[in-house]
Amino acid sequence: MKNLFVLMLALGSFSSCTMATDYSAWSDGEILVYNETAGPWDKIQCSSEKKIGSNIRKRDCATVRQLKARSEVSASSINNINYGTTDFFR
């Protein structure tokens, strides 16, 4: 009975996990078609950058909403490191 409970708990926790869509695997055509029908915050934007220590460019795609969230987290982290507060970038 205990094993059954542990198994059900484990399966329940795995089923509640959500998988984020990897927009970087989408082709340019797929992104263009998606962006035609998407709202302004759900449009996909891609960038291609070289990581430090590598000459290989990596394509990174995300929605405008995800990019805004990343920007806010980065700004908050910088503010906490520099000033110990989150009141600098607003």
PDB file of N, CA and C in Angstrom:
ATOM      1  N   MET A   1       0.823  -1.186   0.000  1.00  0.00           N
ATOM      2  CA  MET A   1       0.000   0.000   0.000  1.00  0.00           C
ATOM      3  C   MET A   1       0.873   1.258   0.000  1.00  0.00           C
ATOM      4  N   LYS A   2       1.951   1.220   0.797  1.00  0.00           N
ATOM      5  CA  LYS A   2       2.854   2.361   0.861  1.00  0.00           C
ATOM      6  C   LYS A   2       3.519   2.585  -0.492  1.00  0.00           C
ATOM      7  N   ASN A   3       3.935   1.497  -1.155  1.00  0.00           N
ATOM      8  CA  ASN A   3       4.568   1.615  -2.469  1.00  0.00           C
ATOM      9  C   ASN A   3       3.605   2.201  -3.497  1.00  0.00           C
ATOM     10  N   LEU A   4       2.349   1.803  -3.431  1.00  0.00           N
ATOM     11  CA  LEU A   4       1.342   2.322  -4.349  1.00  0.00           C
ATOM     12  C   LEU A   4       1.160   3.822  -4.140  1.00  0.00           C
ATOM     13  N   PHE A   5       1.142   4.265  -2.893  1.00  0.00           N
ATOM     14  CA  PHE A   5       1.002   5.685  -2.591  1.00  0.00           C
ATOM     15  C   PHE A   5       2.189   6.477  -3.129  1.00  0.00           C
ATOM     16  N   VAL A   6       3.399   5.967  -2.932  1.00  0.00           N
ATOM     17  CA  VAL A   6       4.605   6.642  -3.421  1.00  0.00           C
ATOM     18  C   VAL A   6       4.581   6.714  -4.941  1.00  0.00           C
ATOM     19  N   LEU A   7       4.172   5.624  -5.594  1.00  0.00           N
ATOM     20  CA  LEU A   7       4.097   5.601  -7.051  1.00  0.00           C
ATOM     21  C   LEU A   7       3.077   6.616  -7.556  1.00  0.00           C
ATOM     22  N   MET A   8       1.920   6.674  -6.924  1.00  0.00           N
ATOM     23  CA  MET A   8       0.892   7.628  -7.347  1.00  0.00           C
ATOM     24  C   MET A   8       1.346   9.068  -7.118  1.00  0.00           C
ATOM     25  N   LEU A   9       2.043   9.317  -6.042  1.00  0.00           N
ATOM     26  CA  LEU A   9       2.564  10.650  -5.762  1.00  0.00           C
ATOM     27  C   LEU A   9       3.582  11.059  -6.817  1.00  0.00           C
ATOM     28  N   ALA A  10       4.481  10.144  -7.172  1.00  0.00           N
ATOM     29  CA  ALA A  10       5.494  10.432  -8.190  1.00  0.00           C
ATOM     30  C   ALA A  10       4.851  10.687  -9.548  1.00  0.00           C
ATOM     31  N   LEU A  11       3.911   9.855  -9.938  1.00  0.00           N
ATOM     32  CA  LEU A  11       3.241  10.039 -11.226  1.00  0.00           C
ATOM     33  C   LEU A  11       2.437  11.332 -11.256  1.00  0.00           C
ATOM     34  N   GLY A  12       1.833  11.676 -10.159  1.00  0.00           N
ATOM     35  CA  GLY A  12       1.078  12.922 -10.083  1.00  0.00           C
ATOM     36  C   GLY A  12       1.966  14.144 -10.221  1.00  0.00           C
ATOM     37  N   SER A  13       3.143  14.091  -9.627  1.00  0.00           N
ATOM     38  CA  SER A  13       4.044  15.236  -9.733  1.00  0.00           C
ATOM     39  C   SER A  13       4.606  15.363 -11.140  1.00  0.00           C
ATOM     40  N   PHE A  14       4.856  14.244 -11.817  1.00  0.00           N
ATOM     41  CA  PHE A  14       5.367  14.305 -13.183  1.00  0.00           C
ATOM     42  C   PHE A  14       4.295  14.773 -14.160  1.00  0.00           C
ATOM     43  N   SER A  15       3.062  14.424 -13.917  1.00  0.00           N
ATOM     44  CA  SER A  15       1.996  14.817 -14.840  1.00  0.00           C
ATOM     45  C   SER A  15       1.666  16.296 -14.728  1.00  0.00           C
ATOM     46  N   SER A  16       2.021  16.926 -13.618  1.00  0.00           N
ATOM     47  CA  SER A  16       1.735  18.343 -13.459  1.00  0.00           C
ATOM     48  C   SER A  16       2.827  19.227 -14.043  1.00  0.00           C
ATOM     49  N   CYS A  17       3.923  18.643 -14.503  1.00  0.00           N
ATOM     50  CA  CYS A  17       4.998  19.414 -15.117  1.00  0.00           C
ATOM     51  C   CYS A  17       4.561  19.880 -16.497  1.00  0.00           C
ATOM     52  N   THR A  18       4.859  21.132 -16.820  1.00  0.00           N
ATOM     53  CA  THR A  18       4.541  21.639 -18.151  1.00  0.00           C
ATOM     54  C   THR A  18       5.830  21.779 -18.941  1.00  0.00           C
ATOM     55  N   MET A  19       5.746  21.452 -20.205  1.00  0.00           N
ATOM     56  CA  MET A  19       6.909  21.553 -21.076  1.00  0.00           C
ATOM     57  C   MET A  19       6.825  22.868 -21.843  1.00  0.00           C
ATOM     58  N   ALA A  20       7.885  23.662 -21.801  1.00  0.00           N
ATOM     59  CA  ALA A  20       7.925  24.901 -22.556  1.00  0.00           C
ATOM     60  C   ALA A  20       8.211  24.578 -24.019  1.00  0.00           C
ATOM     61  N   THR A  21       7.607  25.335 -24.910  1.00  0.00           N
ATOM     62  CA  THR A  21       7.824  25.123 -26.333  1.00  0.00           C
ATOM     63  C   THR A  21       9.188  25.663 -26.717  1.00  0.00           C
ATOM     64  N   ASP A  22       9.948  24.871 -27.470  1.00  0.00           N
ATOM     65  CA  ASP A  22      11.264  25.296 -27.942  1.00  0.00           C
ATOM     66  C   ASP A  22      11.096  25.951 -29.308  1.00  0.00           C
ATOM     67  N   TYR A  23      10.932  27.270 -29.310  1.00  0.00           N
ATOM     68  CA  TYR A  23      10.723  27.990 -30.558  1.00  0.00           C
ATOM     69  C   TYR A  23      11.985  28.014 -31.410  1.00  0.00           C
ATOM     70  N   SER A  24      13.147  27.769 -30.838  1.00  0.00           N
ATOM     71  CA  SER A  24      14.395  27.773 -31.599  1.00  0.00           C
ATOM     72  C   SER A  24      14.429  26.652 -32.627  1.00  0.00           C
ATOM     73  N   ALA A  25      13.662  25.601 -32.409  1.00  0.00           N
ATOM     74  CA  ALA A  25      13.626  24.480 -33.346  1.00  0.00           C
ATOM     75  C   ALA A  25      12.692  24.758 -34.522  1.00  0.00           C
ATOM     76  N   TRP A  26      11.881  25.795 -34.433  1.00  0.00           N
ATOM     77  CA  TRP A  26      10.952  26.123 -35.510  1.00  0.00           C
ATOM     78  C   TRP A  26      11.702  26.766 -36.666  1.00  0.00           C
ATOM     79  N   SER A  27      11.232  26.548 -37.884  1.00  0.00           N
ATOM     80  CA  SER A  27      11.833  27.182 -39.060  1.00  0.00           C
ATOM     81  C   SER A  27      11.352  28.632 -39.147  1.00  0.00           C
ATOM     82  N   ASP A  28      12.033  29.428 -39.971  1.00  0.00           N
ATOM     83  CA  ASP A  28      11.627  30.825 -40.146  1.00  0.00           C
ATOM     84  C   ASP A  28      10.205  30.918 -40.694  1.00  0.00           C
ATOM     85  N   GLY A  29       9.855  30.012 -41.605  1.00  0.00           N
ATOM     86  CA  GLY A  29       8.510  30.007 -42.178  1.00  0.00           C
ATOM     87  C   GLY A  29       7.444  29.711 -41.142  1.00  0.00           C
ATOM     88  N   GLU A  30       7.710  28.756 -40.263  1.00  0.00           N
ATOM     89  CA  GLU A  30       6.753  28.429 -39.200  1.00  0.00           C
ATOM     90  C   GLU A  30       6.546  29.618 -38.269  1.00  0.00           C
ATOM     91  N   ILE A  31       7.628  30.317 -37.971  1.00  0.00           N
ATOM     92  CA  ILE A  31       7.535  31.482 -37.083  1.00  0.00           C
ATOM     93  C   ILE A  31       6.741  32.599 -37.752  1.00  0.00           C
ATOM     94  N   LEU A  32       6.969  32.826 -39.057  1.00  0.00           N
ATOM     95  CA  LEU A  32       6.216  33.859 -39.773  1.00  0.00           C
ATOM     96  C   LEU A  32       4.719  33.557 -39.778  1.00  0.00           C
ATOM     97  N   VAL A  33       4.359  32.305 -40.042  1.00  0.00           N
ATOM     98  CA  VAL A  33       2.945  31.915 -40.051  1.00  0.00           C
ATOM     99  C   VAL A  33       2.341  32.080 -38.659  1.00  0.00           C
ATOM    100  N   TYR A  34       3.062  31.672 -37.631  1.00  0.00           N
ATOM    101  CA  TYR A  34       2.571  31.800 -36.252  1.00  0.00           C
ATOM    102  C   TYR A  34       2.377  33.271 -35.888  1.00  0.00           C
ATOM    103  N   ASN A  35       3.355  34.123 -36.248  1.00  0.00           N
ATOM    104  CA  ASN A  35       3.299  35.536 -35.879  1.00  0.00           C
ATOM    105  C   ASN A  35       2.153  36.281 -36.557  1.00  0.00           C
ATOM    106  N   GLU A  36       1.666  35.770 -37.704  1.00  0.00           N
ATOM    107  CA  GLU A  36       0.548  36.423 -38.387  1.00  0.00           C
ATOM    108  C   GLU A  36      -0.728  36.377 -37.553  1.00  0.00           C
ATOM    109  N   THR A  37      -0.899  35.329 -36.772  1.00  0.00           N
ATOM    110  CA  THR A  37      -2.132  35.170 -35.999  1.00  0.00           C
ATOM    111  C   THR A  37      -1.952  35.434 -34.504  1.00  0.00           C
ATOM    112  N   ALA A  38      -0.724  35.575 -34.053  1.00  0.00           N
ATOM    113  CA  ALA A  38      -0.459  35.752 -32.619  1.00  0.00           C
ATOM    114  C   ALA A  38      -0.704  37.197 -32.196  1.00  0.00           C
ATOM    115  N   GLY A  39      -1.056  37.351 -30.937  1.00  0.00           N
ATOM    116  CA  GLY A  39      -1.218  38.685 -30.369  1.00  0.00           C
ATOM    117  C   GLY A  39       0.146  39.340 -30.178  1.00  0.00           C
ATOM    118  N   PRO A  40       0.173  40.629 -29.850  1.00  0.00           N
ATOM    119  CA  PRO A  40       1.451  41.345 -29.744  1.00  0.00           C
ATOM    120  C   PRO A  40       2.412  40.763 -28.707  1.00  0.00           C
ATOM    121  N   TRP A  41       1.906  40.260 -27.584  1.00  0.00           N
ATOM    122  CA  TRP A  41       2.775  39.705 -26.545  1.00  0.00           C
ATOM    123  C   TRP A  41       3.179  38.264 -26.838  1.00  0.00           C
ATOM    124  N   ASP A  42       2.503  37.615 -27.794  1.00  0.00           N
ATOM    125  CA  ASP A  42       2.787  36.217 -28.105  1.00  0.00           C
ATOM    126  C   ASP A  42       3.586  36.037 -29.387  1.00  0.00           C
ATOM    127  N   LYS A  43       3.971  37.125 -30.033  1.00  0.00           N
ATOM    128  CA  LYS A  43       4.791  37.017 -31.241  1.00  0.00           C
ATOM    129  C   LYS A  43       6.178  36.508 -30.868  1.00  0.00           C
ATOM    130  N   ILE A  44       6.772  35.728 -31.768  1.00  0.00           N
ATOM    131  CA  ILE A  44       8.083  35.132 -31.515  1.00  0.00           C
ATOM    132  C   ILE A  44       9.158  35.997 -32.149  1.00  0.00           C
ATOM    133  N   GLN A  45      10.223  36.252 -31.395  1.00  0.00           N
ATOM    134  CA  GLN A  45      11.388  36.964 -31.905  1.00  0.00           C
ATOM    135  C   GLN A  45      12.609  36.082 -31.705  1.00  0.00           C
ATOM    136  N   CYS A  46      13.487  36.078 -32.710  1.00  0.00           N
ATOM    137  CA  CYS A  46      14.696  35.252 -32.644  1.00  0.00           C
ATOM    138  C   CYS A  46      15.935  36.130 -32.724  1.00  0.00           C
ATOM    139  N   SER A  47      16.986  35.682 -32.078  1.00  0.00           N
ATOM    140  CA  SER A  47      18.290  36.330 -32.186  1.00  0.00           C
ATOM    141  C   SER A  47      19.341  35.238 -32.316  1.00  0.00           C
ATOM    142  N   SER A  48      20.454  35.600 -32.906  1.00  0.00           N
ATOM    143  CA  SER A  48      21.547  34.651 -33.093  1.00  0.00           C
ATOM    144  C   SER A  48      22.813  35.293 -32.547  1.00  0.00           C
ATOM    145  N   GLU A  49      23.362  34.707 -31.503  1.00  0.00           N
ATOM    146  CA  GLU A  49      24.521  35.295 -30.835  1.00  0.00           C
ATOM    147  C   GLU A  49      25.604  34.259 -30.613  1.00  0.00           C
ATOM    148  N   LYS A  50      26.840  34.743 -30.564  1.00  0.00           N
ATOM    149  CA  LYS A  50      27.960  33.879 -30.194  1.00  0.00           C
ATOM    150  C   LYS A  50      28.098  33.915 -28.682  1.00  0.00           C
ATOM    151  N   LYS A  51      28.197  32.768 -28.086  1.00  0.00           N
ATOM    152  CA  LYS A  51      28.431  32.695 -26.648  1.00  0.00           C
ATOM    153  C   LYS A  51      29.914  32.950 -26.379  1.00  0.00           C
ATOM    154  N   ILE A  52      30.241  33.422 -25.208  1.00  0.00           N
ATOM    155  CA  ILE A  52      31.628  33.677 -24.842  1.00  0.00           C
ATOM    156  C   ILE A  52      32.396  32.365 -24.863  1.00  0.00           C
ATOM    157  N   GLY A  53      33.551  32.371 -25.533  1.00  0.00           N
ATOM    158  CA  GLY A  53      34.390  31.180 -25.610  1.00  0.00           C
ATOM    159  C   GLY A  53      34.021  30.252 -26.745  1.00  0.00           C
ATOM    160  N   SER A  54      33.113  30.680 -27.623  1.00  0.00           N
ATOM    161  CA  SER A  54      32.698  29.836 -28.736  1.00  0.00           C
ATOM    162  C   SER A  54      32.524  30.694 -29.982  1.00  0.00           C
ATOM    163  N   ASN A  55      32.848  30.132 -31.133  1.00  0.00           N
ATOM    164  CA  ASN A  55      32.628  30.827 -32.396  1.00  0.00           C
ATOM    165  C   ASN A  55      31.342  30.372 -33.068  1.00  0.00           C
ATOM    166  N   ILE A  56      30.618  29.491 -32.433  1.00  0.00           N
ATOM    167  CA  ILE A  56      29.391  28.950 -33.000  1.00  0.00           C
ATOM    168  C   ILE A  56      28.218  29.813 -32.552  1.00  0.00           C
ATOM    169  N   ARG A  57      27.458  30.286 -33.542  1.00  0.00           N
ATOM    170  CA  ARG A  57      26.272  31.083 -33.225  1.00  0.00           C
ATOM    171  C   ARG A  57      25.141  30.164 -32.789  1.00  0.00           C
ATOM    172  N   LYS A  58      24.416  30.599 -31.774  1.00  0.00           N
ATOM    173  CA  LYS A  58      23.273  29.837 -31.265  1.00  0.00           C
ATOM    174  C   LYS A  58      22.020  30.679 -31.450  1.00  0.00           C
ATOM    175  N   ARG A  59      21.003  30.069 -32.031  1.00  0.00           N
ATOM    176  CA  ARG A  59      19.739  30.758 -32.259  1.00  0.00           C
ATOM    177  C   ARG A  59      18.872  30.632 -31.011  1.00  0.00           C
ATOM    178  N   ASP A  60      18.367  31.760 -30.559  1.00  0.00           N
ATOM    179  CA  ASP A  60      17.507  31.790 -29.380  1.00  0.00           C
ATOM    180  C   ASP A  60      16.206  32.481 -29.766  1.00  0.00           C
ATOM    181  N   CYS A  61      15.094  31.787 -29.629  1.00  0.00           N
ATOM    182  CA  CYS A  61      13.780  32.338 -29.966  1.00  0.00           C
ATOM    183  C   CYS A  61      12.879  32.293 -28.736  1.00  0.00           C
ATOM    184  N   ALA A  62      12.094  33.342 -28.566  1.00  0.00           N
ATOM    185  CA  ALA A  62      11.159  33.413 -27.443  1.00  0.00           C
ATOM    186  C   ALA A  62      10.045  34.387 -27.794  1.00  0.00           C
ATOM    187  N   THR A  63       8.955  34.305 -27.051  1.00  0.00           N
ATOM    188  CA  THR A  63       7.865  35.256 -27.258  1.00  0.00           C
ATOM    189  C   THR A  63       8.249  36.595 -26.628  1.00  0.00           C
ATOM    190  N   VAL A  64       7.560  37.640 -27.045  1.00  0.00           N
ATOM    191  CA  VAL A  64       7.815  38.972 -26.490  1.00  0.00           C
ATOM    192  C   VAL A  64       7.580  38.954 -24.980  1.00  0.00           C
ATOM    193  N   ARG A  65       6.562  38.227 -24.542  1.00  0.00           N
ATOM    194  CA  ARG A  65       6.258  38.110 -23.106  1.00  0.00           C
ATOM    195  C   ARG A  65       7.432  37.463 -22.356  1.00  0.00           C
ATOM    196  N   GLN A  66       8.015  36.400 -22.929  1.00  0.00           N
ATOM    197  CA  GLN A  66       9.148  35.724 -22.295  1.00  0.00           C
ATOM    198  C   GLN A  66      10.378  36.624 -22.273  1.00  0.00           C
ATOM    199  N   LEU A  67      10.609  37.371 -23.357  1.00  0.00           N
ATOM    200  CA  LEU A  67      11.757  38.278 -23.401  1.00  0.00           C
ATOM    201  C   LEU A  67      11.616  39.389 -22.364  1.00  0.00           C
ATOM    202  N   LYS A  68      10.395  39.904 -22.188  1.00  0.00           N
ATOM    203  CA  LYS A  68      10.155  40.938 -21.174  1.00  0.00           C
ATOM    204  C   LYS A  68      10.411  40.381 -19.776  1.00  0.00           C
ATOM    205  N   ALA A  69       9.966  39.158 -19.524  1.00  0.00           N
ATOM    206  CA  ALA A  69      10.185  38.536 -18.213  1.00  0.00           C
ATOM    207  C   ALA A  69      11.673  38.339 -17.958  1.00  0.00           C
ATOM    208  N   ARG A  70      12.413  37.886 -18.973  1.00  0.00           N
ATOM    209  CA  ARG A  70      13.872  37.728 -18.829  1.00  0.00           C
ATOM    210  C   ARG A  70      14.524  39.063 -18.503  1.00  0.00           C
ATOM    211  N   SER A  71      14.099  40.109 -19.202  1.00  0.00           N
ATOM    212  CA  SER A  71      14.665  41.436 -18.983  1.00  0.00           C
ATOM    213  C   SER A  71      14.407  41.921 -17.559  1.00  0.00           C
ATOM    214  N   GLU A  72      13.196  41.693 -17.066  1.00  0.00           N
ATOM    215  CA  GLU A  72      12.870  42.111 -15.702  1.00  0.00           C
ATOM    216  C   GLU A  72      13.679  41.340 -14.670  1.00  0.00           C
ATOM    217  N   VAL A  73      13.879  40.051 -14.883  1.00  0.00           N
ATOM    218  CA  VAL A  73      14.674  39.241 -13.954  1.00  0.00           C
ATOM    219  C   VAL A  73      16.126  39.713 -13.973  1.00  0.00           C
ATOM    220  N   SER A  74      16.658  39.986 -15.169  1.00  0.00           N
ATOM    221  CA  SER A  74      18.041  40.452 -15.273  1.00  0.00           C
ATOM    222  C   SER A  74      18.222  41.800 -14.584  1.00  0.00           C
ATOM    223  N   ALA A  75      17.291  42.726 -14.828  1.00  0.00           N
ATOM    224  CA  ALA A  75      17.377  44.042 -14.201  1.00  0.00           C
ATOM    225  C   ALA A  75      17.284  43.928 -12.685  1.00  0.00           C
ATOM    226  N   SER A  76      16.405  43.076 -12.205  1.00  0.00           N
ATOM    227  CA  SER A  76      16.259  42.878 -10.767  1.00  0.00           C
ATOM    228  C   SER A  76      17.537  42.300 -10.161  1.00  0.00           C
ATOM    229  N   SER A  77      18.147  41.355 -10.858  1.00  0.00           N
ATOM    230  CA  SER A  77      19.392  40.755 -10.363  1.00  0.00           C
ATOM    231  C   SER A  77      20.509  41.788 -10.303  1.00  0.00           C
ATOM    232  N   ILE A  78      20.618  42.613 -11.349  1.00  0.00           N
ATOM    233  CA  ILE A  78      21.653  43.653 -11.369  1.00  0.00           C
ATOM    234  C   ILE A  78      21.419  44.646 -10.240  1.00  0.00           C
ATOM    235  N   ASN A  79      20.167  45.043 -10.047  1.00  0.00           N
ATOM    236  CA  ASN A  79      19.856  45.983  -8.967  1.00  0.00           C
ATOM    237  C   ASN A  79      20.188  45.400  -7.603  1.00  0.00           C
ATOM    238  N   ASN A  80      19.867  44.145  -7.391  1.00  0.00           N
ATOM    239  CA  ASN A  80      20.159  43.516  -6.102  1.00  0.00           C
ATOM    240  C   ASN A  80      21.651  43.427  -5.856  1.00  0.00           C
ATOM    241  N   ILE A  81      22.418  43.150  -6.888  1.00  0.00           N
ATOM    242  CA  ILE A  81      23.872  43.063  -6.742  1.00  0.00           C
ATOM    243  C   ILE A  81      24.459  44.438  -6.460  1.00  0.00           C
ATOM    244  N   ASN A  82      24.016  45.451  -7.216  1.00  0.00           N
ATOM    245  CA  ASN A  82      24.593  46.788  -7.094  1.00  0.00           C
ATOM    246  C   ASN A  82      24.103  47.552  -5.870  1.00  0.00           C
ATOM    247  N   TYR A  83      22.815  47.494  -5.611  1.00  0.00           N
ATOM    248  CA  TYR A  83      22.243  48.373  -4.601  1.00  0.00           C
ATOM    249  C   TYR A  83      21.516  47.654  -3.478  1.00  0.00           C
ATOM    250  N   GLY A  84      21.255  46.391  -3.636  1.00  0.00           N
ATOM    251  CA  GLY A  84      20.523  45.665  -2.617  1.00  0.00           C
ATOM    252  C   GLY A  84      19.032  45.924  -2.643  1.00  0.00           C
ATOM    253  N   THR A  85      18.551  46.531  -3.721  1.00  0.00           N
ATOM    254  CA  THR A  85      17.122  46.809  -3.857  1.00  0.00           C
ATOM    255  C   THR A  85      16.717  46.623  -5.311  1.00  0.00           C
ATOM    256  N   THR A  86      15.431  46.650  -5.584  1.00  0.00           N
ATOM    257  CA  THR A  86      14.959  46.469  -6.960  1.00  0.00           C
ATOM    258  C   THR A  86      14.341  47.743  -7.513  1.00  0.00           C
ATOM    259  N   ASP A  87      14.762  48.910  -7.046  1.00  0.00           N
ATOM    260  CA  ASP A  87      14.117  50.163  -7.422  1.00  0.00           C
ATOM    261  C   ASP A  87      14.845  50.951  -8.505  1.00  0.00           C
ATOM    262  N   PHE A  88      15.884  50.413  -9.142  1.00  0.00           N
ATOM    263  CA  PHE A  88      16.662  51.190 -10.102  1.00  0.00           C
ATOM    264  C   PHE A  88      15.994  51.257 -11.466  1.00  0.00           C
ATOM    265  N   PHE A  89      15.721  50.109 -12.089  1.00  0.00           N
ATOM    266  CA  PHE A  89      15.072  50.085 -13.404  1.00  0.00           C
ATOM    267  C   PHE A  89      13.575  49.956 -13.216  1.00  0.00           C
ATOM    268  N   ARG A  90      12.835  50.929 -13.598  1.00  0.00           N
ATOM    269  CA  ARG A  90      11.367  50.863 -13.528  1.00  0.00           C
ATOM    270  C   ARG A  90      10.799  51.643 -14.656  1.00  0.00           C
TER     271      ARG A  90
END
